[in-house]
C-alpha atoms as a PDB file:
ATOM      1  CA  MET A   1      85.839 105.305 115.303  1.00  0.00           C
ATOM      2  CA  LYS A   2      84.108 108.557 116.890  1.00  0.00           C
ATOM      3  CA  ALA A   3      85.309 106.688 119.749  1.00  0.00           C
ATOM      4  CA  ALA A   4      88.586 106.313 118.717  1.00  0.00           C
ATOM      5  CA  ALA A   5      89.924 109.885 117.608  1.00  0.00           C
ATOM      6  CA  LEU A   6      88.210 110.918 120.702  1.00  0.00           C
ATOM      7  CA  ALA A   7      91.084 109.241 122.769  1.00  0.00           C
ATOM      8  CA  LEU A   8      93.228 109.822 120.718  1.00  0.00           C
ATOM      9  CA  ALA A   9      92.629 113.412 121.059  1.00  0.00           C
ATOM     10  CA  VAL A  10      92.231 112.969 124.852  1.00  0.00           C
ATOM     11  CA  LEU A  11      95.746 110.537 124.918  1.00  0.00           C
ATOM     12  CA  LEU A  12      97.485 113.673 122.899  1.00  0.00           C
ATOM     13  CA  ALA A  13      96.131 117.184 125.311  1.00  0.00           C
ATOM     14  CA  GLN A  14      97.317 115.042 127.759  1.00  0.00           C
ATOM     15  CA  ALA A  15     100.600 114.184 126.140  1.00  0.00           C
ATOM     16  CA  GLY A  16     101.004 117.616 125.605  1.00  0.00           C
ATOM     17  CA  ALA A  17     100.025 119.304 128.722  1.00  0.00           C
ATOM     18  CA  ALA A  18     102.856 116.133 130.108  1.00  0.00           C
ATOM     19  CA  MET A  19     105.665 118.089 128.016  1.00  0.00           C
ATOM     20  CA  ALA A  20     103.863 121.574 128.738  1.00  0.00           C
ATOM     21  CA  GLY A  21     104.785 121.059 133.031  1.00  0.00           C
ATOM     22  CA  GLU A  22     107.774 119.154 131.973  1.00  0.00           C
ATOM     23  CA  GLN A  23     109.330 122.358 129.638  1.00  0.00           C
ATOM     24  CA  ALA A  24     107.928 125.148 132.876  1.00  0.00           C
ATOM     25  CA  ALA A  25     109.590 122.615 135.878  1.00  0.00           C
ATOM     26  CA  CYS A  26     113.028 122.935 133.308  1.00  0.00           C
ATOM     27  CA  ASP A  27     112.413 126.680 132.894  1.00  0.00           C
ATOM     28  CA  GLU A  28     112.050 127.115 136.843  1.00  0.00           C
ATOM     29  CA  ALA A  29     115.715 127.742 137.002  1.00  0.00           C
ATOM     30  CA  LYS A  30     116.853 129.293 133.390  1.00  0.00           C
ATOM     31  CA  HIS A  31     117.746 132.099 134.950  1.00  0.00           C
ATOM     32  CA  LEU A  32     120.854 130.073 136.385  1.00  0.00           C
ATOM     33  CA  VAL A  33     121.669 129.561 133.011  1.00  0.00           C
ATOM     34  CA  GLN A  34     123.159 132.341 131.308  1.00  0.00           C
ATOM     35  CA  ALA A  35     126.364 131.645 129.315  1.00  0.00           C
ATOM     36  CA  GLU A  36     128.550 134.546 129.320  1.00  0.00           C
ATOM     37  CA  THR A  37     131.929 133.633 127.377  1.00  0.00           C
ATOM     38  CA  ALA A  38     131.478 132.686 123.312  1.00  0.00           C
ATOM     39  CA  LEU A  39     132.575 129.286 122.188  1.00  0.00           C
ATOM     40  CA  PRO A  40     133.948 129.658 118.936  1.00  0.00           C
ATOM     41  CA  ARG A  41     135.401 126.586 118.244  1.00  0.00           C
ATOM     42  CA  VAL A  42     131.993 125.447 118.142  1.00  0.00           C
ATOM     43  CA  ALA A  43     130.061 128.679 116.604  1.00  0.00           C
ATOM     44  CA  ALA A  44     133.001 127.911 113.383  1.00  0.00           C
ATOM     45  CA  ALA A  45     131.545 123.828 113.203  1.00  0.00           C
ATOM     46  CA  ILE A  46     128.397 124.431 112.612  1.00  0.00           C
ATOM     47  CA  ALA A  47     128.815 127.673 109.965  1.00  0.00           C
ATOM     48  CA  GLU A  48     131.693 125.570 108.130  1.00  0.00           C
ATOM     49  CA  ARG A  49     130.802 122.190 108.133  1.00  0.00           C
ATOM     50  CA  HIS A  50     127.180 122.700 109.394  1.00  0.00           C
ATOM     51  CA  SER A  51     128.235 119.237 112.333  1.00  0.00           C
ATOM     52  CA  LEU A  52     128.789 119.388 115.819  1.00  0.00           C
ATOM     53  CA  LYS A  53     129.954 117.323 117.272  1.00  0.00           C
ATOM     54  CA  VAL A  54     130.232 117.129 121.050  1.00  0.00           C
ATOM     55  CA  ILE A  55     132.188 114.870 123.764  1.00  0.00           C
ATOM     56  CA  VAL A  56     130.887 114.836 127.654  1.00  0.00           C
ATOM     57  CA  LEU A  57     133.133 113.427 129.847  1.00  0.00           C
ATOM     58  CA  GLY A  58     132.026 112.822 133.058  1.00  0.00           C
ATOM     59  CA  THR A  59     131.549 110.159 136.069  1.00  0.00           C
ATOM     60  CA  GLY A  60     128.477 108.281 137.359  1.00  0.00           C
ATOM     61  CA  SER A  61     126.903 110.870 137.792  1.00  0.00           C
ATOM     62  CA  SER A  62     126.356 111.771 133.918  1.00  0.00           C
ATOM     63  CA  THR A  63     124.408 108.078 133.557  1.00  0.00           C
ATOM     64  CA  LEU A  64     121.259 106.224 134.394  1.00  0.00           C
ATOM     65  CA  PRO A  65     120.845 102.719 136.037  1.00  0.00           C
ATOM     66  CA  GLY A  66     118.694  99.916 133.519  1.00  0.00           C
ATOM     67  CA  PRO A  67     118.304  99.024 130.020  1.00  0.00           C
ATOM     68  CA  GLY A  68     117.111 102.954 129.002  1.00  0.00           C
ATOM     69  CA  GLY A  69     119.633 104.468 131.255  1.00  0.00           C
ATOM     70  CA  GLU A  70     121.069 105.671 128.334  1.00  0.00           C
ATOM     71  CA  SER A  71     119.101 107.904 126.071  1.00  0.00           C
ATOM     72  CA  ALA A  72     117.705 108.833 129.147  1.00  0.00           C
ATOM     73  CA  ALA A  73     120.707 110.312 130.818  1.00  0.00           C
ATOM     74  CA  TYR A  74     121.410 114.048 130.290  1.00  0.00           C
ATOM     75  CA  PRO A  75     124.327 113.506 127.274  1.00  0.00           C
ATOM     76  CA  ALA A  76     121.612 112.056 125.206  1.00  0.00           C
ATOM     77  CA  ARG A  77     119.255 115.004 126.077  1.00  0.00           C
ATOM     78  CA  LEU A  78     121.680 116.816 124.832  1.00  0.00           C
ATOM     79  CA  GLU A  79     121.992 115.743 122.120  1.00  0.00           C
ATOM     80  CA  ALA A  80     117.754 115.744 120.514  1.00  0.00           C
ATOM     81  CA  ALA A  81     117.980 119.154 122.448  1.00  0.00           C
ATOM     82  CA  LEU A  82     120.736 120.147 119.894  1.00  0.00           C
ATOM     83  CA  ALA A  83     119.517 118.852 117.555  1.00  0.00           C
ATOM     84  CA  GLY A  84     115.899 120.863 117.982  1.00  0.00           C
ATOM     85  CA  LEU A  85     117.903 123.678 118.278  1.00  0.00           C
ATOM     86  CA  LEU A  86     119.824 123.603 115.087  1.00  0.00           C
ATOM     87  CA  PRO A  87     118.154 122.638 112.156  1.00  0.00           C
ATOM     88  CA  GLY A  88     120.156 121.749 109.610  1.00  0.00           C
ATOM     89  CA  VAL A  89     123.043 120.767 111.773  1.00  0.00           C
ATOM     90  CA  ALA A  90     124.372 117.603 111.869  1.00  0.00           C
ATOM     91  CA  VAL A  91     124.658 116.939 116.166  1.00  0.00           C
ATOM     92  CA  SER A  92     126.727 114.120 117.545  1.00  0.00           C
ATOM     93  CA  VAL A  93     126.334 113.601 121.394  1.00  0.00           C
ATOM     94  CA  VAL A  94     128.932 111.212 122.512  1.00  0.00           C
ATOM     95  CA  ALA A  95     129.672 110.346 125.682  1.00  0.00           C
ATOM     96  CA  ASP A  96     132.752 109.602 128.034  1.00  0.00           C
ATOM     97  CA  VAL A  97     131.736 108.203 131.181  1.00  0.00           C
ATOM     98  CA  ARG A  98     132.465 106.387 133.933  1.00  0.00           C
ATOM     99  CA  PRO A  99     132.482 106.003 137.700  1.00  0.00           C
ATOM    100  CA  ARG A 100     134.837 106.981 140.698  1.00  0.00           C
ATOM    101  CA  ARG A 101     136.919 109.212 138.591  1.00  0.00           C
ATOM    102  CA  THR A 102     139.102 112.215 139.594  1.00  0.00           C
ATOM    103  CA  ALA A 103     139.721 115.517 137.007  1.00  0.00           C
ATOM    104  CA  ALA A 104     143.208 113.918 136.647  1.00  0.00           C
ATOM    105  CA  GLU A 105     142.520 110.292 135.829  1.00  0.00           C
ATOM    106  CA  MET A 106     140.281 111.541 133.172  1.00  0.00           C
ATOM    107  CA  LYS A 107     142.093 114.124 131.739  1.00  0.00           C
ATOM    108  CA  ALA A 108     145.672 111.293 132.267  1.00  0.00           C
ATOM    109  CA  GLU A 109     143.161 108.201 130.601  1.00  0.00           C
ATOM    110  CA  GLU A 110     140.933 109.677 128.096  1.00  0.00           C
ATOM    111  CA  PHE A 111     142.604 113.339 126.591  1.00  0.00           C
ATOM    112  CA  ASN A 112     144.743 111.461 123.463  1.00  0.00           C
ATOM    113  CA  HIS A 113     141.858 109.866 123.329  1.00  0.00           C
ATOM    114  CA  ILE A 114     139.686 112.465 122.954  1.00  0.00           C
ATOM    115  CA  MET A 115     141.787 114.879 120.780  1.00  0.00           C
ATOM    116  CA  ASP A 116     141.925 112.091 118.367  1.00  0.00           C
ATOM    117  CA  GLU A 117     138.182 112.668 118.329  1.00  0.00           C
ATOM    118  CA  ARG A 118     138.134 115.286 117.044  1.00  0.00           C
ATOM    119  CA  PRO A 119     135.085 117.229 118.097  1.00  0.00           C
ATOM    120  CA  ALA A 120     134.701 120.605 118.551  1.00  0.00           C
ATOM    121  CA  LEU A 121     133.176 120.702 122.037  1.00  0.00           C
ATOM    122  CA  VAL A 122     133.793 118.655 125.639  1.00  0.00           C
ATOM    123  CA  VAL A 123     131.235 119.323 128.336  1.00  0.00           C
ATOM    124  CA  TRP A 124     133.722 117.970 130.968  1.00  0.00           C
ATOM    125  CA  GLN A 125     131.595 117.074 134.327  1.00  0.00           C
ATOM    126  CA  THR A 126     133.790 116.547 136.941  1.00  0.00           C
ATOM    127  CA  GLY A 127     134.730 117.623 140.964  1.00  0.00           C
ATOM    128  CA  THR A 128     132.319 115.391 143.087  1.00  0.00           C
ATOM    129  CA  VAL A 129     135.492 112.198 143.302  1.00  0.00           C
ATOM    130  CA  ASP A 130     137.628 115.272 143.830  1.00  0.00           C
ATOM    131  CA  ALA A 131     135.497 116.162 146.914  1.00  0.00           C
ATOM    132  CA  MET A 132     134.794 112.820 148.062  1.00  0.00           C
ATOM    133  CA  ARG A 133     138.202 111.617 148.001  1.00  0.00           C
ATOM    134  CA  GLY A 134     139.682 114.974 149.344  1.00  0.00           C
ATOM    135  CA  VAL A 135     142.371 115.177 146.765  1.00  0.00           C
ATOM    136  CA  ASP A 136     144.289 118.904 146.751  1.00  0.00           C
ATOM    137  CA  PRO A 137     141.877 121.527 146.020  1.00  0.00           C
ATOM    138  CA  ASP A 138     145.270 123.482 144.509  1.00  0.00           C
ATOM    139  CA  ASP A 139     145.807 119.762 142.595  1.00  0.00           C
ATOM    140  CA  PHE A 140     142.036 119.688 141.322  1.00  0.00           C
ATOM    141  CA  ARG A 141     142.268 123.824 139.980  1.00  0.00           C
ATOM    142  CA  LEU A 142     145.915 123.136 138.500  1.00  0.00           C
ATOM    143  CA  THR A 143     144.812 119.661 136.504  1.00  0.00           C
ATOM    144  CA  LEU A 144     141.236 121.904 135.074  1.00  0.00           C
ATOM    145  CA  ASP A 145     144.504 124.546 134.085  1.00  0.00           C
ATOM    146  CA  ASN A 146     146.124 122.257 132.062  1.00  0.00           C
ATOM    147  CA  GLY A 147     143.124 119.988 130.555  1.00  0.00           C
ATOM    148  CA  VAL A 148     142.040 123.680 129.559  1.00  0.00           C
ATOM    149  CA  LYS A 149     144.989 124.312 127.401  1.00  0.00           C
ATOM    150  CA  LYS A 150     145.641 121.300 125.866  1.00  0.00           C
ATOM    151  CA  LEU A 151     141.662 120.742 124.589  1.00  0.00           C
ATOM    152  CA  GLN A 152     141.699 124.475 123.341  1.00  0.00           C
ATOM    153  CA  ALA A 153     145.458 123.352 121.531  1.00  0.00           C
ATOM    154  CA  HIS A 154     143.757 120.844 120.088  1.00  0.00           C
ATOM    155  CA  GLY A 155     141.283 122.907 118.198  1.00  0.00           C
ATOM    156  CA  ALA A 156     138.302 121.962 121.147  1.00  0.00           C
ATOM    157  CA  ASP A 157     136.372 124.363 123.356  1.00  0.00           C
ATOM    158  CA  VAL A 158     135.886 123.264 126.972  1.00  0.00           C
ATOM    159  CA  LEU A 159     132.691 123.603 128.938  1.00  0.00           C
ATOM    160  CA  PHE A 160     132.363 123.243 132.615  1.00  0.00           C
ATOM    161  CA  MET A 161     129.891 120.926 134.955  1.00  0.00           C
ATOM    162  CA  ASN A 162     130.056 121.227 138.240  1.00  0.00           C
ATOM    163  CA  MET A 163     128.866 118.475 140.563  1.00  0.00           C
ATOM    164  CA  GLN A 164     125.574 117.819 141.004  1.00  0.00           C
ATOM    165  CA  PHE A 165     123.355 118.782 144.166  1.00  0.00           C
ATOM    166  CA  SER A 166     122.407 116.166 146.309  1.00  0.00           C
ATOM    167  CA  PRO A 167     119.876 116.534 150.051  1.00  0.00           C
ATOM    168  CA  ARG A 168     121.438 113.462 151.493  1.00  0.00           C
ATOM    169  CA  THR A 169     124.959 114.116 150.861  1.00  0.00           C
ATOM    170  CA  GLU A 170     124.923 118.123 151.588  1.00  0.00           C
ATOM    171  CA  SER A 171     126.431 118.349 154.678  1.00  0.00           C
ATOM    172  CA  MET A 172     129.099 114.809 154.149  1.00  0.00           C
ATOM    173  CA  ILE A 173     130.751 116.567 150.921  1.00  0.00           C
ATOM    174  CA  ALA A 174     133.251 119.686 151.257  1.00  0.00           C
ATOM    175  CA  ALA A 175     131.892 120.730 147.435  1.00  0.00           C
ATOM    176  CA  GLY A 176     132.204 124.396 147.504  1.00  0.00           C
ATOM    177  CA  VAL A 177     135.827 125.060 147.300  1.00  0.00           C
ATOM    178  CA  TYR A 178     136.359 122.315 144.353  1.00  0.00           C
ATOM    179  CA  ALA A 179     133.242 124.614 143.235  1.00  0.00           C
ATOM    180  CA  ASP A 180     134.911 127.920 143.500  1.00  0.00           C
ATOM    181  CA  ASN A 181     137.682 126.088 141.465  1.00  0.00           C
ATOM    182  CA  MET A 182     136.053 125.583 138.897  1.00  0.00           C
ATOM    183  CA  ARG A 183     134.726 128.928 139.239  1.00  0.00           C
ATOM    184  CA  TRP A 184     138.061 130.685 138.848  1.00  0.00           C
ATOM    185  CA  VAL A 185     139.516 127.977 136.682  1.00  0.00           C
ATOM    186  CA  ALA A 186     136.809 129.019 134.090  1.00  0.00           C
ATOM    187  CA  LEU A 187     136.929 133.082 133.870  1.00  0.00           C
ATOM    188  CA  GLN A 188     140.332 132.645 133.980  1.00  0.00           C
ATOM    189  CA  HIS A 189     140.496 131.324 130.545  1.00  0.00           C
ATOM    190  CA  GLU A 190     136.745 132.546 128.940  1.00  0.00           C
ATOM    191  CA  VAL A 191     135.212 129.070 129.786  1.00  0.00           C
ATOM    192  CA  PRO A 192     131.529 128.830 130.256  1.00  0.00           C
ATOM    193  CA  LEU A 193     130.185 127.003 133.313  1.00  0.00           C
ATOM    194  CA  PHE A 194     126.937 125.192 133.706  1.00  0.00           C
ATOM    195  CA  ASP A 195     126.066 125.333 137.481  1.00  0.00           C
ATOM    196  CA  ARG A 196     124.386 122.155 137.681  1.00  0.00           C
ATOM    197  CA  LEU A 197     124.976 122.562 141.562  1.00  0.00           C
ATOM    198  CA  ALA A 198     123.019 125.872 141.995  1.00  0.00           C
ATOM    199  CA  ILE A 199     120.620 124.627 139.316  1.00  0.00           C
ATOM    200  CA  MET A 200     119.192 121.460 141.270  1.00  0.00           C
ATOM    201  CA  LYS A 201     119.634 123.528 144.467  1.00  0.00           C
ATOM    202  CA  HIS A 202     117.246 125.984 143.588  1.00  0.00           C
ATOM    203  CA  TRP A 203     115.061 122.811 142.501  1.00  0.00           C
ATOM    204  CA  VAL A 204     115.191 121.577 145.794  1.00  0.00           C
ATOM    205  CA  GLU A 205     114.577 124.780 147.167  1.00  0.00           C
ATOM    206  CA  THR A 206     111.303 125.369 144.881  1.00  0.00           C
ATOM    207  CA  GLY A 207     110.078 122.214 145.021  1.00  0.00           C
ATOM    208  CA  THR A 208     110.259 122.286 141.415  1.00  0.00           C
ATOM    209  CA  PHE A 209     111.872 118.218 141.752  1.00  0.00           C
ATOM    210  CA  ASP A 210     112.502 115.873 144.983  1.00  0.00           C
ATOM    211  CA  LEU A 211     115.806 115.201 144.313  1.00  0.00           C
ATOM    212  CA  TYR A 212     115.561 112.526 147.535  1.00  0.00           C
ATOM    213  CA  ASP A 213     112.737 110.133 145.377  1.00  0.00           C
ATOM    214  CA  ALA A 214     115.522 110.706 142.461  1.00  0.00           C
ATOM    215  CA  SER A 215     117.906 109.125 144.065  1.00  0.00           C
ATOM    216  CA  ARG A 216     115.435 105.965 144.500  1.00  0.00           C
ATOM    217  CA  ASN A 217     113.181 106.989 142.017  1.00  0.00           C
ATOM    218  CA  VAL A 218     114.096 106.617 137.448  1.00  0.00           C
ATOM    219  CA  ASP A 219     112.120 108.203 136.691  1.00  0.00           C
ATOM    220  CA  THR A 220     112.206 110.831 138.447  1.00  0.00           C
ATOM    221  CA  ALA A 221     115.906 111.057 138.229  1.00  0.00           C
ATOM    222  CA  ALA A 222     115.055 110.677 134.157  1.00  0.00           C
ATOM    223  CA  ARG A 223     113.359 113.968 134.411  1.00  0.00           C
ATOM    224  CA  VAL A 224     115.975 115.867 136.101  1.00  0.00           C
ATOM    225  CA  HIS A 225     118.008 114.156 133.920  1.00  0.00           C
ATOM    226  CA  ASP A 226     115.837 115.312 130.585  1.00  0.00           C
ATOM    227  CA  CYS A 227     115.815 118.652 131.989  1.00  0.00           C
ATOM    228  CA  ILE A 228     119.789 119.180 132.110  1.00  0.00           C
ATOM    229  CA  GLY A 229     120.063 118.436 128.940  1.00  0.00           C
ATOM    230  CA  ARG A 230     117.270 120.836 127.834  1.00  0.00           C
ATOM    231  CA  LEU A 231     119.043 123.977 129.953  1.00  0.00           C
ATOM    232  CA  LEU A 232     122.731 122.160 128.883  1.00  0.00           C
ATOM    233  CA  GLY A 233     121.704 122.753 124.930  1.00  0.00           C
ATOM    234  CA  GLU A 234     119.654 125.900 125.006  1.00  0.00           C
ATOM    235  CA  PHE A 235     123.063 127.188 127.466  1.00  0.00           C
ATOM    236  CA  ILE A 236     125.423 125.634 124.525  1.00  0.00           C
ATOM    237  CA  VAL A 237     122.926 127.834 121.465  1.00  0.00           C
ATOM    238  CA  ASP A 238     123.487 131.568 124.109  1.00  0.00           C
ATOM    239  CA  ALA A 239     127.219 130.582 124.151  1.00  0.00           C
ATOM    240  CA  VAL A 240     127.606 130.514 120.003  1.00  0.00           C
ATOM    241  CA  LYS A 241     125.272 133.454 119.349  1.00  0.00           C
ATOM    242  CA  GLY A 242     127.774 135.168 121.294  1.00  0.00           C
ATOM    243  CA  ALA A 243     131.069 133.784 119.174  1.00  0.00           C
ATOM    244  CA  PRO A 244     132.727 134.644 116.110  1.00  0.00           C
ATOM    245  CA  ALA A 245     132.727 132.176 113.551  1.00  0.00           C
ATOM    246  CA  THR A 246     136.135 131.765 113.097  1.00  0.00           C
ATOM    247  CA  PRO A 247     138.126 130.732 116.684  1.00  0.00           C
ATOM    248  CA  GLN A 248     141.660 131.762 117.586  1.00  0.00           C
ATOM    249  CA  ASP A 249     144.472 129.421 118.639  1.00  0.00           C
ATOM    250  CA  SER A 250     142.882 126.124 117.200  1.00  0.00           C
ATOM    251  CA  LYS A 251     144.820 123.041 115.307  1.00  0.00           C
END
């Protein structure tokens, strides 16, 4: 019995150390996750209904392969993070993700469905496919601009997430101009921007994660997604803290 208890204690200590190590890895980029814009509709949903429905509108980089990929990808990790950060609030995060979609295709295919679901928050992850296809940056910006107006008019806050950083494709894809356009639209409409591109680039530069390994190792990719989910949850909660509980221009 004593040996079993000792073995259990060792396992628990190892698990605790691993969790602490994972949190430290996530926190390595925490200074890049500062919410400067509020989420009033999310604040109202939490204050008035004690519930929060989030839809993640994304592409292939919002998913992970394999039978456990859905539970390990960042939308599921976001739901777990928000549930821990918002005790007493019923949190639901729905992933509406499909690969190889431009921002315009997402808007054309999914916005009516999203508005029927009436989420308090839409996390719009986009930019990579537009950059790969060479979509006109002005058209990309106009799609984001019209999309934000449409979602906000139907009672949803919008949060942009830009493209992931990949050391393999950095020199092949002109992501910067699309990231800049996302930032401009975010500033214009006071929409929070979760800068995944800068976060992941920082992880590479500091050696926190080997993103070459993440492209072929599901365990490493899952750790990256877990950190993205945690940081995004904290980002959302920080944005809620600075928001009034009564949203404007919602229907």
